[in-house]
Amino acid sequence: MNPTKVDRNHLLRLTDLPNVGPACEKDLRLIGIRVPAHLRGRDPYDMYAQLCLKTGVVHDPCVIDVFLSVVRFMEGGDPQPWWAFSRERKAALARDPLTL
């Protein structure tokens, strides 16, 4: 969903989250996340690694940005577009390429 349209009081489905559409919902379900509450306390980098292992494909690193956006949102952060997390991801991977 577009971050500007997210309603924190209406989070029943994964697609109610910022930046999550049908394709991302499918990816989240593949790694065992069924409802938004399952994102609390999760590690977005670990989620990405799990997705790559499950699918046998190295996904675009921007998927990490989406995972960062939804985990942070579920931990109380404001809804933001996924690309607001790109700088953080790039810095984390530059510091520790084995983060994944």
Protein backbone atom coordinates (compact mmCIF):
# COMPACT_ATOMS: atom_id res chain seq x y z
CA MET A 1 0.00 0.00 0.00
CA ASN A 2 1.11 3.55 -0.63
CA PRO A 3 2.64 4.85 2.63
CA THR A 4 0.46 7.97 2.54
CA LYS A 5 -2.69 5.81 2.65
CA VAL A 6 -1.74 3.51 5.51
CA ASP A 7 -4.06 3.46 8.51
CA ARG A 8 -2.27 2.09 11.58
CA ASN A 9 -5.70 1.24 13.06
CA HIS A 10 -6.51 -1.00 10.09
CA LEU A 11 -3.75 -3.59 9.73
CA LEU A 12 -5.53 -6.83 9.02
CA ARG A 13 -3.71 -7.97 5.90
CA LEU A 14 -0.09 -7.72 4.80
CA THR A 15 -1.17 -5.47 1.93
CA ASP A 16 -2.43 -2.96 4.53
CA LEU A 17 1.24 -2.23 5.29
CA PRO A 18 3.26 0.52 3.61
CA ASN A 19 5.02 -0.62 0.42
CA VAL A 20 3.43 -4.08 0.39
CA GLY A 21 1.56 -5.14 -2.71
CA PRO A 22 0.61 -8.61 -3.95
CA ALA A 23 4.17 -9.63 -4.95
CA CYS A 24 5.68 -8.58 -1.62
CA GLU A 25 2.80 -10.24 0.23
CA LYS A 26 3.67 -13.49 -1.55
CA ASP A 27 7.34 -13.12 -0.55
CA LEU A 28 6.43 -12.47 3.08
CA ARG A 29 4.16 -15.50 3.15
CA LEU A 30 6.98 -17.65 1.74
CA ILE A 31 9.06 -16.86 4.81
CA GLY A 32 6.22 -17.55 7.24
CA ILE A 33 4.82 -14.08 7.80
CA ARG A 34 1.03 -14.23 7.57
CA VAL A 35 -0.17 -11.09 9.37
CA PRO A 36 1.41 -7.70 10.10
CA ALA A 37 1.99 -8.53 13.78
CA HIS A 38 4.43 -11.29 12.73
CA LEU A 39 6.88 -8.56 11.66
CA ARG A 40 7.51 -7.21 15.15
CA GLY A 41 11.02 -8.03 16.32
CA ARG A 42 12.10 -9.47 12.98
CA ASP A 43 15.47 -8.78 11.34
CA PRO A 44 14.92 -7.43 7.80
CA TYR A 45 18.33 -8.70 6.63
CA ASP A 46 17.55 -12.18 7.93
CA MET A 47 14.15 -12.03 6.25
CA TYR A 48 15.87 -11.22 2.95
CA ALA A 49 18.34 -14.09 3.37
CA GLN A 50 15.46 -16.47 4.13
CA LEU A 51 13.61 -15.32 1.01
CA CYS A 52 16.68 -15.85 -1.18
CA LEU A 53 17.20 -19.34 0.28
CA LYS A 54 13.53 -20.29 -0.10
CA THR A 55 13.31 -19.18 -3.72
CA GLY A 56 16.84 -20.08 -4.82
CA VAL A 57 17.16 -16.58 -6.28
CA VAL A 58 19.22 -13.60 -5.18
CA HIS A 59 16.55 -10.90 -5.05
CA ASP A 60 17.10 -7.23 -5.70
CA PRO A 61 18.58 -5.64 -2.55
CA CYS A 62 15.73 -3.11 -2.62
CA VAL A 63 13.62 -5.90 -1.12
CA ILE A 64 15.62 -5.28 2.07
CA ASP A 65 14.44 -1.66 1.97
CA VAL A 66 10.83 -2.81 1.85
CA PHE A 67 11.44 -5.23 4.72
CA LEU A 68 13.11 -2.43 6.72
CA SER A 69 10.12 -0.17 6.07
CA VAL A 70 7.52 -2.67 7.28
CA VAL A 71 9.44 -3.87 10.33
CA ARG A 72 10.12 -0.30 11.43
CA PHE A 73 6.48 0.62 10.84
CA MET A 74 5.28 -2.30 12.95
CA GLU A 75 7.69 -1.22 15.69
CA GLY A 76 6.03 2.22 15.79
CA GLY A 77 7.77 4.19 13.05
CA ASP A 78 6.01 6.42 10.57
CA PRO A 79 4.99 4.97 7.21
CA GLN A 80 7.67 5.89 4.69
CA PRO A 81 8.37 4.97 1.08
CA TRP A 82 10.73 2.00 0.77
CA TRP A 83 13.46 4.09 -0.83
CA ALA A 84 13.77 6.11 2.39
CA PHE A 85 15.64 3.07 3.74
CA SER A 86 18.08 2.61 0.83
CA ARG A 87 20.84 4.71 2.39
CA GLU A 88 20.60 2.74 5.65
CA ARG A 89 20.79 -0.60 3.80
CA LYS A 90 23.76 0.49 1.71
CA ALA A 91 25.62 1.72 4.78
CA ALA A 92 24.90 -1.49 6.70
CA LEU A 93 26.11 -3.67 3.84
CA ALA A 94 29.20 -1.50 3.35
CA ARG A 95 30.09 -1.85 7.05
CA ASP A 96 29.46 -5.58 7.10
CA PRO A 97 28.93 -7.35 3.75
CA LEU A 98 28.20 -10.53 5.70
CA THR A 99 25.07 -8.92 7.15
CA LEU A 100 23.24 -11.16 4.71
